[in-house]
Amino acid sequence: MPDVRVFCPICQGEVKRPPDLWAAAARTPRRLYRAVRGLTGADLAYRPRADAWSIREIILHLADTELVHGYRMRRVLAEDSPELPSYDPATWAARAAYDRRDIRAALAGFRALRLANLDLLRAVEPAALERAGRHPRFGPVTVGQLFGHLVDHDLEHLRQLEWTRAVVEGKIEPGSA
């Protein structure tokens, strides 16, 4: 089944989304483990361009994003129209030592958070996915939209990981995108 095009209020534009969000979300931890398998510490730290993150930084970013989105979804499910926190991923990367953190801990953390978030979303009534909070930049955002964006975000960074790994392995040049 081909991807569908939907408007994502967080991306502020149209995105290609897999037809089965649940399956895509459940596959991400395994895809992340495969993306780093066999790589050295130097490989994980390599930045293919000055403006690109390393594989380690991407994995840490995904783990933190899972944490933030899990908190946002829980706030919306538990409270009426809560104000949702925003965060600056670049600042988190710089100040939370992404370049020095343990990749295994990040992968395990991501997996645990993803499983907990999927368990939560499966347990709530389907109508709960329409509950909304207010994001300071994006306006009203539902639990379902947060979940959809999480999958969009996964896929974007999985493509980035695959590209970076191909550069590390010498299969493509850093200037190609």
C-alpha atoms as a PDB file:
ATOM      1  CA  MET A   1       0.000   0.000   0.000  1.00  0.00           C
ATOM      2  CA  PRO A   2       1.543   3.344  -0.998  1.00  0.00           C
ATOM      3  CA  ASP A   3       2.242   6.215   1.363  1.00  0.00           C
ATOM      4  CA  VAL A   4      -0.464   8.856   1.709  1.00  0.00           C
ATOM      5  CA  ARG A   5      -0.033  12.622   1.715  1.00  0.00           C
ATOM      6  CA  VAL A   6      -1.362  14.480   4.758  1.00  0.00           C
ATOM      7  CA  PHE A   7      -0.921  17.921   6.272  1.00  0.00           C
ATOM      8  CA  CYS A   8       1.141  17.847   9.475  1.00  0.00           C
ATOM      9  CA  PRO A   9       0.505  20.858  11.732  1.00  0.00           C
ATOM     10  CA  ILE A  10       3.892  20.381  13.400  1.00  0.00           C
ATOM     11  CA  CYS A  11       5.852  20.093  10.150  1.00  0.00           C
ATOM     12  CA  GLN A  12       3.677  22.933   8.855  1.00  0.00           C
ATOM     13  CA  GLY A  13       3.271  21.224   5.507  1.00  0.00           C
ATOM     14  CA  GLU A  14       2.308  18.164   3.555  1.00  0.00           C
ATOM     15  CA  VAL A  15       4.185  14.953   4.359  1.00  0.00           C
ATOM     16  CA  LYS A  16       4.233  11.432   2.945  1.00  0.00           C
ATOM     17  CA  ARG A  17       2.993   9.082   5.620  1.00  0.00           C
ATOM     18  CA  PRO A  18       2.835   5.286   5.679  1.00  0.00           C
ATOM     19  CA  PRO A  19      -0.733   3.947   5.664  1.00  0.00           C
ATOM     20  CA  ASP A  20      -0.093   1.928   8.838  1.00  0.00           C
ATOM     21  CA  LEU A  21       1.294   4.315  11.468  1.00  0.00           C
ATOM     22  CA  TRP A  22       1.253   1.637  14.161  1.00  0.00           C
ATOM     23  CA  ALA A  23       3.433  -0.762  12.191  1.00  0.00           C
ATOM     24  CA  ALA A  24       5.838   2.002  11.170  1.00  0.00           C
ATOM     25  CA  ALA A  25       6.151   3.194  14.772  1.00  0.00           C
ATOM     26  CA  ALA A  26       6.693  -0.335  16.076  1.00  0.00           C
ATOM     27  CA  ARG A  27       9.455  -1.004  13.492  1.00  0.00           C
ATOM     28  CA  THR A  28      11.544   2.053  14.351  1.00  0.00           C
ATOM     29  CA  PRO A  29      13.485   0.641  17.334  1.00  0.00           C
ATOM     30  CA  ARG A  30      14.619  -2.350  15.274  1.00  0.00           C
ATOM     31  CA  ARG A  31      15.538  -0.082  12.356  1.00  0.00           C
ATOM     32  CA  LEU A  32      17.635   2.089  14.668  1.00  0.00           C
ATOM     33  CA  TYR A  33      19.537  -0.926  16.016  1.00  0.00           C
ATOM     34  CA  ARG A  34      20.239  -2.054  12.442  1.00  0.00           C
ATOM     35  CA  ALA A  35      21.364   1.463  11.466  1.00  0.00           C
ATOM     36  CA  VAL A  36      24.219   1.378  13.992  1.00  0.00           C
ATOM     37  CA  ARG A  37      25.163  -2.314  13.880  1.00  0.00           C
ATOM     38  CA  GLY A  38      28.850  -2.813  13.197  1.00  0.00           C
ATOM     39  CA  LEU A  39      29.807   0.852  13.369  1.00  0.00           C
ATOM     40  CA  THR A  40      32.782   2.062  15.393  1.00  0.00           C
ATOM     41  CA  GLY A  41      32.824   4.967  17.827  1.00  0.00           C
ATOM     42  CA  ALA A  42      34.472   7.078  15.128  1.00  0.00           C
ATOM     43  CA  ASP A  43      31.752   6.083  12.637  1.00  0.00           C
ATOM     44  CA  LEU A  44      29.029   7.075  15.122  1.00  0.00           C
ATOM     45  CA  ALA A  45      30.678  10.450  15.735  1.00  0.00           C
ATOM     46  CA  TYR A  46      31.382  11.301  12.076  1.00  0.00           C
ATOM     47  CA  ARG A  47      29.629  14.373  10.702  1.00  0.00           C
ATOM     48  CA  PRO A  48      29.425  14.133   6.912  1.00  0.00           C
ATOM     49  CA  ARG A  49      28.967  17.897   6.599  1.00  0.00           C
ATOM     50  CA  ALA A  50      29.412  20.797   8.989  1.00  0.00           C
ATOM     51  CA  ASP A  51      25.625  21.294   9.139  1.00  0.00           C
ATOM     52  CA  ALA A  52      24.787  17.591   9.584  1.00  0.00           C
ATOM     53  CA  TRP A  53      24.416  15.607  12.774  1.00  0.00           C
ATOM     54  CA  SER A  54      26.381  12.444  13.444  1.00  0.00           C
ATOM     55  CA  ILE A  55      24.665   9.082  13.776  1.00  0.00           C
ATOM     56  CA  ARG A  56      25.088   9.279  17.562  1.00  0.00           C
ATOM     57  CA  GLU A  57      23.479  12.737  17.651  1.00  0.00           C
ATOM     58  CA  ILE A  58      20.546  11.588  15.521  1.00  0.00           C
ATOM     59  CA  ILE A  59      19.887   8.610  17.819  1.00  0.00           C
ATOM     60  CA  LEU A  60      20.062  10.814  20.944  1.00  0.00           C
ATOM     61  CA  HIS A  61      17.744  13.334  19.292  1.00  0.00           C
ATOM     62  CA  LEU A  62      15.225  10.596  18.493  1.00  0.00           C
ATOM     63  CA  ALA A  63      15.319   9.357  22.098  1.00  0.00           C
ATOM     64  CA  ASP A  64      14.724  12.865  23.437  1.00  0.00           C
ATOM     65  CA  THR A  65      11.956  13.504  20.911  1.00  0.00           C
ATOM     66  CA  GLU A  66      10.247  10.302  22.024  1.00  0.00           C
ATOM     67  CA  LEU A  67      10.447  11.529  25.622  1.00  0.00           C
ATOM     68  CA  VAL A  68       9.041  14.976  24.766  1.00  0.00           C
ATOM     69  CA  HIS A  69       6.226  13.624  22.596  1.00  0.00           C
ATOM     70  CA  GLY A  70       5.324  11.010  25.212  1.00  0.00           C
ATOM     71  CA  TYR A  71       5.018  13.770  27.802  1.00  0.00           C
ATOM     72  CA  ARG A  72       2.966  15.941  25.443  1.00  0.00           C
ATOM     73  CA  MET A  73       0.569  13.077  24.650  1.00  0.00           C
ATOM     74  CA  ARG A  74       0.146  12.265  28.345  1.00  0.00           C
ATOM     75  CA  ARG A  75      -0.593  15.910  29.161  1.00  0.00           C
ATOM     76  CA  VAL A  76      -3.269  16.076  26.458  1.00  0.00           C
ATOM     77  CA  LEU A  77      -4.829  12.791  27.557  1.00  0.00           C
ATOM     78  CA  ALA A  78      -4.883  13.810  31.242  1.00  0.00           C
ATOM     79  CA  GLU A  79      -5.725  17.513  31.065  1.00  0.00           C
ATOM     80  CA  ASP A  80      -8.189  19.703  29.222  1.00  0.00           C
ATOM     81  CA  SER A  81      -6.453  21.703  26.487  1.00  0.00           C
ATOM     82  CA  PRO A  82      -3.057  21.946  28.215  1.00  0.00           C
ATOM     83  CA  GLU A  83      -0.236  24.204  27.062  1.00  0.00           C
ATOM     84  CA  LEU A  84       2.349  21.921  25.474  1.00  0.00           C
ATOM     85  CA  PRO A  85       6.057  22.532  25.966  1.00  0.00           C
ATOM     86  CA  SER A  86       8.260  23.425  23.062  1.00  0.00           C
ATOM     87  CA  TYR A  87      11.969  22.732  22.877  1.00  0.00           C
ATOM     88  CA  ASP A  88      14.908  23.543  20.646  1.00  0.00           C
ATOM     89  CA  PRO A  89      16.514  20.293  19.417  1.00  0.00           C
ATOM     90  CA  ALA A  90      19.793  22.017  18.495  1.00  0.00           C
ATOM     91  CA  THR A  91      20.146  23.430  22.012  1.00  0.00           C
ATOM     92  CA  TRP A  92      19.351  20.043  23.545  1.00  0.00           C
ATOM     93  CA  ALA A  93      21.982  18.431  21.303  1.00  0.00           C
ATOM     94  CA  ALA A  94      24.612  20.957  22.347  1.00  0.00           C
ATOM     95  CA  ARG A  95      23.822  21.161  26.041  1.00  0.00           C
ATOM     96  CA  ALA A  96      22.830  17.553  26.691  1.00  0.00           C
ATOM     97  CA  ALA A  97      26.186  16.223  25.443  1.00  0.00           C
ATOM     98  CA  TYR A  98      24.805  14.261  22.491  1.00  0.00           C
ATOM     99  CA  ASP A  99      28.315  13.945  21.125  1.00  0.00           C
ATOM    100  CA  ARG A 100      29.547  12.123  24.247  1.00  0.00           C
ATOM    101  CA  ARG A 101      26.621   9.973  25.318  1.00  0.00           C
ATOM    102  CA  ASP A 102      26.357   6.196  25.159  1.00  0.00           C
ATOM    103  CA  ILE A 103      24.586   5.025  22.022  1.00  0.00           C
ATOM    104  CA  ARG A 104      23.461   1.764  23.657  1.00  0.00           C
ATOM    105  CA  ALA A 105      21.719   3.658  26.463  1.00  0.00           C
ATOM    106  CA  ALA A 106      20.062   5.953  23.924  1.00  0.00           C
ATOM    107  CA  LEU A 107      18.820   3.021  21.843  1.00  0.00           C
ATOM    108  CA  ALA A 108      17.511   1.201  24.920  1.00  0.00           C
ATOM    109  CA  GLY A 109      15.859   4.395  26.155  1.00  0.00           C
ATOM    110  CA  PHE A 110      14.235   5.032  22.793  1.00  0.00           C
ATOM    111  CA  ARG A 111      12.935   1.455  22.628  1.00  0.00           C
ATOM    112  CA  ALA A 112      11.506   1.579  26.158  1.00  0.00           C
ATOM    113  CA  LEU A 113       9.846   4.947  25.575  1.00  0.00           C
ATOM    114  CA  ARG A 114       8.429   3.876  22.211  1.00  0.00           C
ATOM    115  CA  LEU A 115       6.965   0.682  23.681  1.00  0.00           C
ATOM    116  CA  ALA A 116       5.446   2.642  26.566  1.00  0.00           C
ATOM    117  CA  ASN A 117       3.997   5.268  24.218  1.00  0.00           C
ATOM    118  CA  LEU A 118       2.510   2.649  21.904  1.00  0.00           C
ATOM    119  CA  ASP A 119       1.055   0.788  24.895  1.00  0.00           C
ATOM    120  CA  LEU A 120      -0.552   4.009  26.122  1.00  0.00           C
ATOM    121  CA  LEU A 121      -2.044   4.865  22.732  1.00  0.00           C
ATOM    122  CA  ARG A 122      -3.418   1.339  22.261  1.00  0.00           C
ATOM    123  CA  ALA A 123      -5.026   1.437  25.710  1.00  0.00           C
ATOM    124  CA  VAL A 124      -6.971   4.687  25.331  1.00  0.00           C
ATOM    125  CA  GLU A 125     -10.331   4.948  23.631  1.00  0.00           C
ATOM    126  CA  PRO A 126     -10.060   5.923  19.942  1.00  0.00           C
ATOM    127  CA  ALA A 127     -11.836   9.223  20.675  1.00  0.00           C
ATOM    128  CA  ALA A 128      -8.955  10.187  22.991  1.00  0.00           C
ATOM    129  CA  LEU A 129      -6.727  10.591  19.927  1.00  0.00           C
ATOM    130  CA  GLU A 130      -8.813  13.667  19.062  1.00  0.00           C
ATOM    131  CA  ARG A 131      -8.079  15.407  22.365  1.00  0.00           C
ATOM    132  CA  ALA A 132      -5.972  18.522  21.806  1.00  0.00           C
ATOM    133  CA  GLY A 133      -3.408  20.629  23.586  1.00  0.00           C
ATOM    134  CA  ARG A 134      -2.016  24.020  22.607  1.00  0.00           C
ATOM    135  CA  HIS A 135       1.512  24.289  21.320  1.00  0.00           C
ATOM    136  CA  PRO A 136       2.990  27.819  21.501  1.00  0.00           C
ATOM    137  CA  ARG A 137       4.228  27.630  17.902  1.00  0.00           C
ATOM    138  CA  PHE A 138       1.848  25.221  16.156  1.00  0.00           C
ATOM    139  CA  GLY A 139      -1.453  26.001  17.885  1.00  0.00           C
ATOM    140  CA  PRO A 140      -3.948  23.223  18.673  1.00  0.00           C
ATOM    141  CA  VAL A 141      -2.467  19.742  18.234  1.00  0.00           C
ATOM    142  CA  THR A 142      -4.289  16.462  18.870  1.00  0.00           C
ATOM    143  CA  VAL A 143      -2.827  13.276  20.316  1.00  0.00           C
ATOM    144  CA  GLY A 144      -3.333  11.643  16.922  1.00  0.00           C
ATOM    145  CA  GLN A 145      -1.432  14.456  15.213  1.00  0.00           C
ATOM    146  CA  LEU A 146       1.401  14.153  17.726  1.00  0.00           C
ATOM    147  CA  PHE A 147       1.597  10.431  17.031  1.00  0.00           C
ATOM    148  CA  GLY A 148       1.501  10.947  13.263  1.00  0.00           C
ATOM    149  CA  HIS A 149       4.262  13.530  13.500  1.00  0.00           C
ATOM    150  CA  LEU A 150       6.355  11.176  15.604  1.00  0.00           C
ATOM    151  CA  VAL A 151       6.245   8.616  12.774  1.00  0.00           C
ATOM    152  CA  ASP A 152       6.995  11.326  10.161  1.00  0.00           C
ATOM    153  CA  HIS A 153       9.938  12.447  12.281  1.00  0.00           C
ATOM    154  CA  ASP A 154      11.202   8.843  12.623  1.00  0.00           C
ATOM    155  CA  LEU A 155      11.137   8.335   8.875  1.00  0.00           C
ATOM    156  CA  GLU A 156      12.914  11.618   8.167  1.00  0.00           C
ATOM    157  CA  HIS A 157      15.724  10.749  10.566  1.00  0.00           C
ATOM    158  CA  LEU A 158      15.911   7.121   9.422  1.00  0.00           C
ATOM    159  CA  ARG A 159      16.585   8.440   5.899  1.00  0.00           C
ATOM    160  CA  GLN A 160      19.221  10.738   7.392  1.00  0.00           C
ATOM    161  CA  LEU A 161      20.801   7.789   9.244  1.00  0.00           C
ATOM    162  CA  GLU A 162      20.887   5.678   6.082  1.00  0.00           C
ATOM    163  CA  TRP A 163      22.504   8.515   4.135  1.00  0.00           C
ATOM    164  CA  THR A 164      25.092   9.166   6.859  1.00  0.00           C
ATOM    165  CA  ARG A 165      25.917   5.474   7.132  1.00  0.00           C
ATOM    166  CA  ALA A 166      26.376   5.289   3.345  1.00  0.00           C
ATOM    167  CA  VAL A 167      28.814   8.221   3.572  1.00  0.00           C
ATOM    168  CA  VAL A 168      30.678   6.577   6.483  1.00  0.00           C
ATOM    169  CA  GLU A 169      30.942   3.340   4.493  1.00  0.00           C
ATOM    170  CA  GLY A 170      32.221   5.226   1.429  1.00  0.00           C
ATOM    171  CA  LYS A 171      29.249   4.290  -0.730  1.00  0.00           C
ATOM    172  CA  ILE A 172      28.362   7.929  -1.504  1.00  0.00           C
ATOM    173  CA  GLU A 173      30.051  11.315  -1.229  1.00  0.00           C
ATOM    174  CA  PRO A 174      29.130  13.707   1.603  1.00  0.00           C
ATOM    175  CA  GLY A 175      27.980  16.322  -0.909  1.00  0.00           C
ATOM    176  CA  SER A 176      25.244  14.083  -2.297  1.00  0.00           C
ATOM    177  CA  ALA A 177      21.830  14.238  -0.721  1.00  0.00           C
END
